[in-house]
Protein backbone atom coordinates (compact mmCIF):
# COMPACT_ATOMS: atom_id res chain seq x y z
CA MET A 1 17.77 -9.03 -39.43
CA LYS A 2 16.90 -6.17 -36.93
CA SER A 3 14.94 -8.54 -34.78
CA SER A 4 17.84 -10.95 -34.39
CA ARG A 5 20.13 -8.33 -33.64
CA ARG A 6 17.71 -6.82 -30.93
CA THR A 7 17.29 -10.35 -29.58
CA PHE A 8 21.11 -10.86 -29.35
CA LEU A 9 21.46 -7.30 -27.52
CA ILE A 10 18.70 -8.20 -25.02
CA THR A 11 20.06 -11.72 -24.44
CA SER A 12 23.67 -10.25 -23.93
CA LEU A 13 22.54 -7.48 -21.51
CA GLY A 14 20.52 -10.03 -19.55
CA ALA A 15 23.45 -12.32 -19.12
CA ALA A 16 25.76 -9.54 -18.21
CA SER A 17 23.18 -8.23 -15.57
CA ALA A 18 22.79 -11.75 -14.15
CA LEU A 19 26.69 -12.18 -14.03
CA ALA A 20 26.88 -8.80 -12.12
CA LEU A 21 24.14 -9.70 -9.78
CA SER A 22 25.79 -13.24 -9.01
CA ARG A 23 29.15 -11.40 -8.44
CA GLN A 24 27.44 -8.88 -6.08
CA SER A 25 25.59 -11.80 -4.16
CA PHE A 26 29.07 -13.52 -3.73
CA ALA A 27 30.42 -10.20 -2.53
CA ASP A 28 27.49 -9.88 -0.02
CA ALA A 29 27.88 -13.45 1.22
CA PRO A 30 28.52 -13.82 4.95
CA HIS A 31 31.89 -14.64 6.04
CA VAL A 32 32.48 -18.10 7.82
CA ALA A 33 32.86 -17.65 11.64
CA GLU A 34 35.34 -19.80 13.47
CA SER A 35 32.44 -20.72 15.75
CA ASP A 36 30.22 -22.06 12.83
CA PRO A 37 29.70 -25.83 13.37
CA THR A 38 31.17 -26.80 10.05
CA ALA A 39 34.15 -24.60 10.65
CA GLN A 40 34.74 -26.11 13.99
CA ALA A 41 34.60 -29.65 12.54
CA LEU A 42 37.17 -28.76 9.82
CA GLY A 43 39.45 -26.76 12.08
CA TYR A 44 38.89 -23.51 10.26
CA LYS A 45 40.92 -20.60 11.32
CA GLU A 46 40.75 -17.01 9.76
CA ASP A 47 44.40 -16.84 10.23
CA ALA A 48 46.43 -19.74 8.98
CA THR A 49 49.32 -18.88 11.27
CA LYS A 50 47.15 -19.61 14.33
CA VAL A 51 46.34 -23.23 13.35
CA ASP A 52 47.11 -25.74 16.36
CA LYS A 53 49.87 -27.79 14.63
CA ALA A 54 49.58 -30.46 17.39
CA LYS A 55 45.88 -30.93 16.61
CA TYR A 56 46.41 -30.68 12.83
CA PRO A 57 49.68 -32.10 11.92
CA LYS A 58 48.94 -31.96 8.33
CA TYR A 59 49.16 -28.09 8.37
CA GLN A 60 52.26 -26.80 6.66
CA ALA A 61 53.49 -23.22 6.75
CA GLY A 62 52.29 -21.34 3.71
CA GLU A 63 49.07 -23.30 3.14
CA MET A 64 46.06 -21.05 3.25
CA CYS A 65 42.64 -20.71 1.74
CA GLY A 66 43.73 -18.48 -1.16
CA ASN A 67 46.06 -21.09 -2.58
CA CYS A 68 43.64 -24.03 -2.00
CA GLN A 69 42.01 -25.89 -4.80
CA LEU A 70 38.62 -25.35 -3.12
CA PHE A 71 38.84 -21.65 -2.92
CA GLN A 72 36.54 -20.08 -5.50
CA GLY A 73 37.52 -16.40 -5.28
CA LYS A 74 39.94 -14.70 -7.54
CA ALA A 75 43.72 -14.33 -6.89
CA GLY A 76 44.18 -11.44 -4.81
CA ASP A 77 40.59 -11.43 -3.12
CA ALA A 78 40.51 -11.20 0.59
CA TYR A 79 37.59 -13.32 0.87
CA GLY A 80 36.02 -15.77 -1.43
CA PRO A 81 33.55 -18.78 -1.65
CA CYS A 82 34.81 -22.11 -0.79
CA ALA A 83 33.30 -25.49 -1.95
CA LEU A 84 33.15 -26.66 1.81
CA PHE A 85 31.31 -23.76 3.02
CA GLY A 86 28.43 -23.60 0.73
CA GLY A 87 27.02 -19.87 0.46
CA LYS A 88 29.77 -18.52 2.68
CA GLN A 89 33.12 -16.86 2.15
CA VAL A 90 36.47 -17.86 3.66
CA ASN A 91 39.36 -15.59 4.48
CA ALA A 92 42.05 -16.01 1.69
CA LYS A 93 44.49 -16.01 4.64
CA GLY A 94 42.58 -18.69 6.59
CA TRP A 95 42.96 -22.52 6.62
CA CYS A 96 40.93 -25.64 7.42
CA SER A 97 41.66 -29.26 7.40
CA GLY A 98 40.05 -29.73 3.85
CA TYR A 99 43.07 -27.82 2.40
CA THR A 100 44.13 -29.21 -0.93
CA LYS A 101 46.99 -27.60 -2.72
CA LYS A 102 46.00 -25.88 -6.02
CA ALA A 103 47.41 -27.93 -8.95
């Protein structure tokens, strides 16, 4: 009985440590620069209010990374991972042409 309790505690602590480390690595991930080739291809802007509406007529006021389905940060995060920019974080107030409204 003691060995299974010990195994459970070790496994639980290991999983909690891994989760904390993965959260930390997301927090340390670089921010996407507007000069990044993928960002340029998608028309990414750090500030959604500065989107060129003539070039991106799909853009609608109020659309931003923080309310996009591809944004993987938590509500209220200033930056978070995005499925389109693997390993990098986008500004929650940013926008790109890959924007998909959250369901």
